[in-house]
C-alpha atoms as a PDB file:
ATOM      1  CA  ASP A   1       0.000   0.000   0.000  1.00  0.00           C
ATOM      2  CA  ILE A   2       2.716   2.472   1.028  1.00  0.00           C
ATOM      3  CA  VAL A   3       6.453   2.270   0.322  1.00  0.00           C
ATOM      4  CA  VAL A   4       9.083   4.594   1.764  1.00  0.00           C
ATOM      5  CA  HIS A   5      12.285   4.742  -0.270  1.00  0.00           C
ATOM      6  CA  SER A   6      15.667   6.146   0.620  1.00  0.00           C
ATOM      7  CA  THR A   7      16.525   7.416  -2.855  1.00  0.00           C
ATOM      8  CA  THR A   8      20.159   7.700  -1.751  1.00  0.00           C
ATOM      9  CA  LYS A   9      20.401   3.936  -2.162  1.00  0.00           C
ATOM     10  CA  PHE A  10      19.786   2.018  -5.394  1.00  0.00           C
ATOM     11  CA  LEU A  11      17.475   4.580  -7.005  1.00  0.00           C
ATOM     12  CA  SER A  12      20.191   7.183  -7.431  1.00  0.00           C
ATOM     13  CA  GLY A  13      22.851   4.500  -7.625  1.00  0.00           C
ATOM     14  CA  HIS A  14      25.858   6.444  -6.427  1.00  0.00           C
ATOM     15  CA  GLY A  15      25.279   7.481  -2.823  1.00  0.00           C
ATOM     16  CA  ASN A  16      26.109  11.112  -3.612  1.00  0.00           C
ATOM     17  CA  SER A  17      22.594  12.584  -3.245  1.00  0.00           C
ATOM     18  CA  LEU A  18      20.571  12.555  -0.042  1.00  0.00           C
ATOM     19  CA  GLY A  19      16.859  12.057  -0.529  1.00  0.00           C
ATOM     20  CA  GLY A  20      13.772   9.998   0.073  1.00  0.00           C
ATOM     21  CA  CYS A  21      10.292   9.510  -1.313  1.00  0.00           C
ATOM     22  CA  VAL A  22       6.926   8.042  -0.346  1.00  0.00           C
ATOM     23  CA  VAL A  23       4.915   5.994  -2.844  1.00  0.00           C
ATOM     24  CA  ASP A  24       1.251   5.797  -1.831  1.00  0.00           C
ATOM     25  CA  LEU A  25      -1.059   3.592  -3.886  1.00  0.00           C
ATOM     26  CA  GLY A  26      -4.113   5.060  -2.165  1.00  0.00           C
ATOM     27  CA  THR A  27      -5.371   1.584  -1.276  1.00  0.00           C
ATOM     28  CA  PHE A  28      -5.019   1.619   2.516  1.00  0.00           C
ATOM     29  CA  ASP A  29      -8.211   2.246   4.490  1.00  0.00           C
ATOM     30  CA  PHE A  30      -7.159   4.480   7.379  1.00  0.00           C
ATOM     31  CA  ALA A  31     -10.763   4.591   8.607  1.00  0.00           C
ATOM     32  CA  LYS A  32     -10.631   0.951   9.710  1.00  0.00           C
ATOM     33  CA  VAL A  33      -8.385   1.851  12.634  1.00  0.00           C
ATOM     34  CA  PRO A  34      -8.874   5.619  12.972  1.00  0.00           C
ATOM     35  CA  GLU A  35      -7.334   5.761  16.449  1.00  0.00           C
ATOM     36  CA  LYS A  36      -3.955   4.760  14.967  1.00  0.00           C
ATOM     37  CA  TYR A  37      -3.947   7.571  12.408  1.00  0.00           C
ATOM     38  CA  PRO A  38      -5.322  10.657  14.161  1.00  0.00           C
ATOM     39  CA  SER A  39      -3.505  13.031  11.800  1.00  0.00           C
ATOM     40  CA  LEU A  40      -5.675  11.709   8.981  1.00  0.00           C
ATOM     41  CA  THR A  41      -8.918  10.822  10.730  1.00  0.00           C
ATOM     42  CA  THR A  42      -9.409  13.671  13.207  1.00  0.00           C
ATOM     43  CA  PRO A  43      -9.850  17.410  12.616  1.00  0.00           C
ATOM     44  CA  GLU A  44      -6.663  19.310  11.786  1.00  0.00           C
ATOM     45  CA  PRO A  45      -6.711  22.633  13.689  1.00  0.00           C
ATOM     46  CA  ALA A  46      -4.264  24.300  11.297  1.00  0.00           C
ATOM     47  CA  TYR A  47      -6.749  23.778   8.455  1.00  0.00           C
ATOM     48  CA  HIS A  48      -9.932  24.890  10.231  1.00  0.00           C
ATOM     49  CA  GLY A  49     -10.930  21.425  11.404  1.00  0.00           C
ATOM     50  CA  LEU A  50     -10.494  19.697   8.056  1.00  0.00           C
ATOM     51  CA  VAL A  51     -10.395  15.881   8.285  1.00  0.00           C
ATOM     52  CA  PHE A  52      -8.041  14.641   5.582  1.00  0.00           C
ATOM     53  CA  TRP A  53      -9.543  11.168   5.236  1.00  0.00           C
ATOM     54  CA  GLU A  54     -13.100  12.445   4.927  1.00  0.00           C
ATOM     55  CA  THR A  55     -12.128  15.189   2.484  1.00  0.00           C
ATOM     56  CA  PHE A  56      -9.559  13.493   0.269  1.00  0.00           C
ATOM     57  CA  GLY A  57     -10.242   9.775   0.691  1.00  0.00           C
ATOM     58  CA  PRO A  58      -7.509   7.670  -1.009  1.00  0.00           C
ATOM     59  CA  LEU A  59      -5.363  10.798  -1.424  1.00  0.00           C
ATOM     60  CA  ALA A  60      -5.482  11.624   2.288  1.00  0.00           C
ATOM     61  CA  LEU A  61      -1.902  10.631   3.081  1.00  0.00           C
ATOM     62  CA  THR A  62      -0.440  12.259  -0.027  1.00  0.00           C
ATOM     63  CA  VAL A  63      -2.228  15.542   0.633  1.00  0.00           C
ATOM     64  CA  ASN A  64      -1.341  15.427   4.333  1.00  0.00           C
ATOM     65  CA  LEU A  65       2.358  14.920   3.570  1.00  0.00           C
ATOM     66  CA  HIS A  66       2.284  18.035   1.415  1.00  0.00           C
ATOM     67  CA  ALA A  67      -0.015  20.206   3.529  1.00  0.00           C
ATOM     68  CA  VAL A  68       1.409  19.302   6.944  1.00  0.00           C
ATOM     69  CA  GLY A  69       4.694  17.489   6.477  1.00  0.00           C
ATOM     70  CA  LEU A  70       6.107  19.785   3.813  1.00  0.00           C
ATOM     71  CA  ARG A  71       4.913  22.875   5.663  1.00  0.00           C
ATOM     72  CA  ASP A  72       6.235  21.883   9.096  1.00  0.00           C
ATOM     73  CA  LEU A  73       9.331  19.859   8.260  1.00  0.00           C
ATOM     74  CA  GLY A  74      10.283  21.032   4.767  1.00  0.00           C
ATOM     75  CA  PRO A  75      11.132  17.541   3.431  1.00  0.00           C
ATOM     76  CA  SER A  76      11.871  18.610  -0.117  1.00  0.00           C
ATOM     77  CA  MET A  77      15.024  17.514  -1.921  1.00  0.00           C
ATOM     78  CA  ALA A  78      17.602  20.023  -3.061  1.00  0.00           C
ATOM     79  CA  PRO A  79      17.349  20.628  -6.840  1.00  0.00           C
ATOM     80  CA  MET A  80      20.781  19.182  -7.601  1.00  0.00           C
ATOM     81  CA  ASN A  81      19.975  16.045  -5.610  1.00  0.00           C
ATOM     82  CA  VAL A  82      16.741  15.675  -7.565  1.00  0.00           C
ATOM     83  CA  PHE A  83      18.607  15.983 -10.860  1.00  0.00           C
ATOM     84  CA  LEU A  84      21.220  13.390  -9.897  1.00  0.00           C
ATOM     85  CA  THR A  85      18.540  11.015  -8.605  1.00  0.00           C
ATOM     86  CA  ILE A  86      16.471  11.275 -11.794  1.00  0.00           C
ATOM     87  CA  CYS A  87      19.597  10.583 -13.847  1.00  0.00           C
ATOM     88  CA  GLY A  88      20.224   7.502 -11.721  1.00  0.00           C
ATOM     89  CA  VAL A  89      16.669   6.188 -12.031  1.00  0.00           C
ATOM     90  CA  GLU A  90      17.078   6.099 -15.819  1.00  0.00           C
ATOM     91  CA  THR A  91      19.544   3.208 -15.486  1.00  0.00           C
ATOM     92  CA  LEU A  92      17.966   1.473 -12.467  1.00  0.00           C
ATOM     93  CA  GLY A  93      16.759  -1.625 -14.312  1.00  0.00           C
ATOM     94  CA  VAL A  94      20.081  -2.301 -16.008  1.00  0.00           C
ATOM     95  CA  ARG A  95      22.042  -1.714 -12.812  1.00  0.00           C
ATOM     96  CA  MET A  96      19.876  -3.972 -10.652  1.00  0.00           C
ATOM     97  CA  ASP A  97      20.404  -6.925 -12.987  1.00  0.00           C
ATOM     98  CA  ARG A  98      24.160  -6.558 -12.479  1.00  0.00           C
ATOM     99  CA  HIS A  99      23.838  -5.954  -8.736  1.00  0.00           C
ATOM    100  CA  VAL A 100      21.808  -9.125  -8.245  1.00  0.00           C
ATOM    101  CA  GLU A 101      24.012 -11.312 -10.449  1.00  0.00           C
ATOM    102  CA  ASN A 102      27.173 -10.103  -8.731  1.00  0.00           C
ATOM    103  CA  ALA A 103      25.621 -10.639  -5.288  1.00  0.00           C
ATOM    104  CA  ARG A 104      24.582 -14.181  -6.143  1.00  0.00           C
ATOM    105  CA  ARG A 105      28.060 -15.139  -7.321  1.00  0.00           C
ATOM    106  CA  VAL A 106      29.745 -13.499  -4.330  1.00  0.00           C
ATOM    107  CA  ALA A 107      27.358 -15.251  -1.920  1.00  0.00           C
ATOM    108  CA  GLU A 108      28.053 -18.606  -3.578  1.00  0.00           C
ATOM    109  CA  TYR A 109      31.782 -18.006  -3.258  1.00  0.00           C
ATOM    110  CA  LEU A 110      31.520 -17.107   0.425  1.00  0.00           C
ATOM    111  CA  GLU A 111      29.208 -20.013   1.208  1.00  0.00           C
ATOM    112  CA  ASN A 112      31.934 -22.429   0.146  1.00  0.00           C
ATOM    113  CA  HIS A 113      34.862 -20.642   1.801  1.00  0.00           C
ATOM    114  CA  PRO A 114      36.412 -22.446   4.805  1.00  0.00           C
ATOM    115  CA  LYS A 115      36.779 -19.217   6.800  1.00  0.00           C
ATOM    116  CA  VAL A 116      33.077 -18.348   6.473  1.00  0.00           C
ATOM    117  CA  SER A 117      30.630 -19.995   8.883  1.00  0.00           C
ATOM    118  CA  TRP A 118      27.357 -18.828   7.318  1.00  0.00           C
ATOM    119  CA  VAL A 119      25.890 -16.622   4.606  1.00  0.00           C
ATOM    120  CA  SER A 120      22.492 -14.944   4.926  1.00  0.00           C
ATOM    121  CA  TYR A 121      21.349 -14.279   1.359  1.00  0.00           C
ATOM    122  CA  ALA A 122      17.881 -15.256   0.160  1.00  0.00           C
ATOM    123  CA  GLY A 123      19.210 -15.812  -3.350  1.00  0.00           C
ATOM    124  CA  LEU A 124      21.010 -18.961  -2.217  1.00  0.00           C
ATOM    125  CA  GLY A 125      19.184 -22.251  -2.494  1.00  0.00           C
ATOM    126  CA  SER A 126      20.317 -23.083   1.055  1.00  0.00           C
ATOM    127  CA  SER A 127      18.544 -20.042   2.524  1.00  0.00           C
ATOM    128  CA  HIS A 128      15.418 -20.591   4.629  1.00  0.00           C
ATOM    129  CA  PHE A 129      13.895 -17.659   2.751  1.00  0.00           C
ATOM    130  CA  HIS A 130      14.782 -18.775  -0.765  1.00  0.00           C
ATOM    131  CA  HIS A 131      11.214 -19.797  -1.579  1.00  0.00           C
ATOM    132  CA  ARG A 132       9.960 -16.418  -0.364  1.00  0.00           C
ATOM    133  CA  ALA A 133      12.525 -14.620  -2.480  1.00  0.00           C
ATOM    134  CA  LYS A 134      11.394 -16.523  -5.577  1.00  0.00           C
ATOM    135  CA  GLU A 135       7.785 -15.631  -4.818  1.00  0.00           C
ATOM    136  CA  TYR A 136       8.147 -11.957  -3.920  1.00  0.00           C
ATOM    137  CA  MET A 137      11.378 -11.031  -5.711  1.00  0.00           C
ATOM    138  CA  PRO A 138      11.523 -13.185  -8.850  1.00  0.00           C
ATOM    139  CA  LYS A 139      14.273 -11.041 -10.385  1.00  0.00           C
ATOM    140  CA  GLY A 140      16.504 -11.437  -7.356  1.00  0.00           C
ATOM    141  CA  PRO A 141      16.646 -10.372  -3.683  1.00  0.00           C
ATOM    142  CA  GLY A 142      18.923  -7.372  -4.079  1.00  0.00           C
ATOM    143  CA  SER A 143      22.622  -7.191  -3.342  1.00  0.00           C
ATOM    144  CA  VAL A 144      22.897  -6.426   0.384  1.00  0.00           C
ATOM    145  CA  PHE A 145      23.518  -9.320   2.741  1.00  0.00           C
ATOM    146  CA  THR A 146      25.533 -10.475   5.741  1.00  0.00           C
ATOM    147  CA  PHE A 147      27.853 -13.357   6.405  1.00  0.00           C
ATOM    148  CA  GLY A 148      29.730 -14.677   9.417  1.00  0.00           C
ATOM    149  CA  LEU A 149      33.458 -15.238   9.769  1.00  0.00           C
ATOM    150  CA  ASN A 150      34.995 -18.151  11.593  1.00  0.00           C
ATOM    151  CA  GLY A 151      36.372 -15.795  14.190  1.00  0.00           C
ATOM    152  CA  GLY A 152      35.422 -12.966  16.465  1.00  0.00           C
ATOM    153  CA  PHE A 153      35.597  -9.214  16.844  1.00  0.00           C
ATOM    154  CA  GLU A 154      39.264  -8.780  15.967  1.00  0.00           C
ATOM    155  CA  GLU A 155      38.955 -10.955  12.865  1.00  0.00           C
ATOM    156  CA  GLY A 156      35.979  -8.896  11.708  1.00  0.00           C
ATOM    157  CA  VAL A 157      37.889  -5.644  12.062  1.00  0.00           C
ATOM    158  CA  ARG A 158      40.981  -7.074  10.362  1.00  0.00           C
ATOM    159  CA  PHE A 159      38.955  -8.423   7.458  1.00  0.00           C
ATOM    160  CA  VAL A 160      37.357  -5.065   6.685  1.00  0.00           C
ATOM    161  CA  GLU A 161      40.634  -3.206   7.041  1.00  0.00           C
ATOM    162  CA  SER A 162      42.259  -5.685   4.627  1.00  0.00           C
ATOM    163  CA  CYS A 163      39.803  -5.060   1.802  1.00  0.00           C
ATOM    164  CA  GLN A 164      41.296  -2.965  -0.979  1.00  0.00           C
ATOM    165  CA  LEU A 165      38.662  -2.745  -3.701  1.00  0.00           C
ATOM    166  CA  LEU A 166      35.651  -2.768  -1.387  1.00  0.00           C
ATOM    167  CA  SER A 167      35.042   0.561   0.352  1.00  0.00           C
ATOM    168  CA  HIS A 168      34.618   0.672   4.129  1.00  0.00           C
ATOM    169  CA  LEU A 169      31.380   2.676   4.280  1.00  0.00           C
ATOM    170  CA  ALA A 170      28.132   2.425   6.234  1.00  0.00           C
ATOM    171  CA  ASN A 171      25.758   3.236   3.372  1.00  0.00           C
ATOM    172  CA  ILE A 172      24.344   0.652   0.940  1.00  0.00           C
ATOM    173  CA  GLY A 173      22.988   0.471  -2.595  1.00  0.00           C
ATOM    174  CA  ASP A 174      26.001   2.122  -4.197  1.00  0.00           C
ATOM    175  CA  THR A 175      27.493   1.332  -7.599  1.00  0.00           C
ATOM    176  CA  ARG A 176      30.669   0.589  -5.641  1.00  0.00           C
ATOM    177  CA  SER A 177      30.950  -2.483  -3.438  1.00  0.00           C
ATOM    178  CA  LEU A 178      30.836  -1.607   0.263  1.00  0.00           C
ATOM    179  CA  VAL A 179      31.854  -3.601   3.322  1.00  0.00           C
ATOM    180  CA  LEU A 180      31.137  -3.048   7.016  1.00  0.00           C
ATOM    181  CA  HIS A 181      31.776  -4.713  10.360  1.00  0.00           C
ATOM    182  CA  PRO A 182      28.671  -3.520  12.273  1.00  0.00           C
ATOM    183  CA  GLY A 183      30.000  -4.640  15.646  1.00  0.00           C
ATOM    184  CA  SER A 184      32.872  -2.139  15.548  1.00  0.00           C
ATOM    185  CA  THR A 185      31.026   0.677  13.781  1.00  0.00           C
ATOM    186  CA  THR A 186      27.256   1.201  13.505  1.00  0.00           C
ATOM    187  CA  HIS A 187      26.398  -0.974  16.533  1.00  0.00           C
ATOM    188  CA  ARG A 188      29.500  -0.347  18.634  1.00  0.00           C
ATOM    189  CA  GLN A 189      27.661   1.506  21.413  1.00  0.00           C
ATOM    190  CA  LEU A 190      25.373  -1.443  22.159  1.00  0.00           C
ATOM    191  CA  SER A 191      26.112  -4.109  24.747  1.00  0.00           C
ATOM    192  CA  ASP A 192      27.321  -7.501  23.519  1.00  0.00           C
ATOM    193  CA  GLU A 193      23.892  -8.986  24.148  1.00  0.00           C
ATOM    194  CA  ALA A 194      22.103  -6.177  22.317  1.00  0.00           C
ATOM    195  CA  ARG A 195      24.439  -6.435  19.323  1.00  0.00           C
ATOM    196  CA  VAL A 196      23.791 -10.149  19.000  1.00  0.00           C
ATOM    197  CA  ALA A 197      20.042  -9.585  19.304  1.00  0.00           C
ATOM    198  CA  ALA A 198      20.286  -6.966  16.527  1.00  0.00           C
ATOM    199  CA  GLY A 199      22.128  -9.372  14.229  1.00  0.00           C
ATOM    200  CA  ALA A 200      25.442  -7.547  14.651  1.00  0.00           C
ATOM    201  CA  GLY A 201      27.513 -10.150  16.456  1.00  0.00           C
ATOM    202  CA  ASP A 202      31.300 -10.126  16.527  1.00  0.00           C
ATOM    203  CA  GLU A 203      31.612 -12.312  13.419  1.00  0.00           C
ATOM    204  CA  VAL A 204      29.060 -10.503  11.247  1.00  0.00           C
ATOM    205  CA  ILE A 205      30.152  -8.738   8.057  1.00  0.00           C
ATOM    206  CA  ARG A 206      27.729  -6.770   5.859  1.00  0.00           C
ATOM    207  CA  LEU A 207      28.245  -6.461   2.129  1.00  0.00           C
ATOM    208  CA  SER A 208      26.596  -4.192  -0.403  1.00  0.00           C
ATOM    209  CA  VAL A 209      27.730  -5.691  -3.690  1.00  0.00           C
ATOM    210  CA  GLY A 210      28.326  -3.174  -6.458  1.00  0.00           C
ATOM    211  CA  LEU A 211      28.808  -3.164 -10.200  1.00  0.00           C
ATOM    212  CA  GLU A 212      32.511  -3.935 -10.477  1.00  0.00           C
ATOM    213  CA  SER A 213      33.729  -7.074 -12.208  1.00  0.00           C
ATOM    214  CA  VAL A 214      32.613  -9.916  -9.958  1.00  0.00           C
ATOM    215  CA  ASN A 215      36.006 -11.540 -10.405  1.00  0.00           C
ATOM    216  CA  ASP A 216      37.655  -8.446  -8.935  1.00  0.00           C
ATOM    217  CA  ILE A 217      35.209  -8.426  -6.015  1.00  0.00           C
ATOM    218  CA  VAL A 218      35.862 -12.087  -5.247  1.00  0.00           C
ATOM    219  CA  LYS A 219      39.619 -11.574  -5.543  1.00  0.00           C
ATOM    220  CA  ASP A 220      39.512  -8.752  -2.998  1.00  0.00           C
ATOM    221  CA  LEU A 221      37.409 -10.810  -0.599  1.00  0.00           C
ATOM    222  CA  SER A 222      39.774 -13.735  -1.048  1.00  0.00           C
ATOM    223  CA  GLN A 223      42.899 -11.784  -0.152  1.00  0.00           C
ATOM    224  CA  ALA A 224      41.147 -10.199   2.840  1.00  0.00           C
ATOM    225  CA  LEU A 225      39.976 -13.585   4.111  1.00  0.00           C
ATOM    226  CA  ALA A 226      43.524 -14.895   3.777  1.00  0.00           C
ATOM    227  CA  LYS A 227      44.666 -12.317   6.346  1.00  0.00           C
ATOM    228  CA  ILE A 228      42.420 -13.480   9.178  1.00  0.00           C
END
């Protein structure tokens, strides 16, 4: 019914433009549970008691985001970011085919590596979610996934620091391949128990597979794995 995109990811393709968008099909019935959506189902004082759902029906959320969200928060993209994002969207279909194919081959390589204990990628036949991926994402389940090293915290840090082609960055969905050890970066402030519960244990590595030659990606992963 409603999809929220970070356009900084795959849509723009390069991670250089901050932005986001909301896609509303107008098919969600907010009136079924009005108490959960008071901004749409109760009078809005700033607009003389107007009730967005009663007045605009399926367009209630879209109008509200413009009339209230845009007015109060100013969530409009800078013109240059819009231009770069639109340019990126023009090649989205072609890029995603390459992203998914590269991710599949990288995941297969890692799954069979002796220094890797597990790979969580729905594109693999061994994944518990493979059947779901085929049903909901027939063209492939994207190119962001995690895997676990046969080691701990220090091995995770050393692996990331040893990568040469892959960039050590926290964002995802870039044309460039990105690697991250969440336990020492994005989730570092959490306790050990909280990190494990969040899927960011000591051994976890996150990959966002880009558009480079897959042979080059695998070669970089191979030399980094050899150093742990």
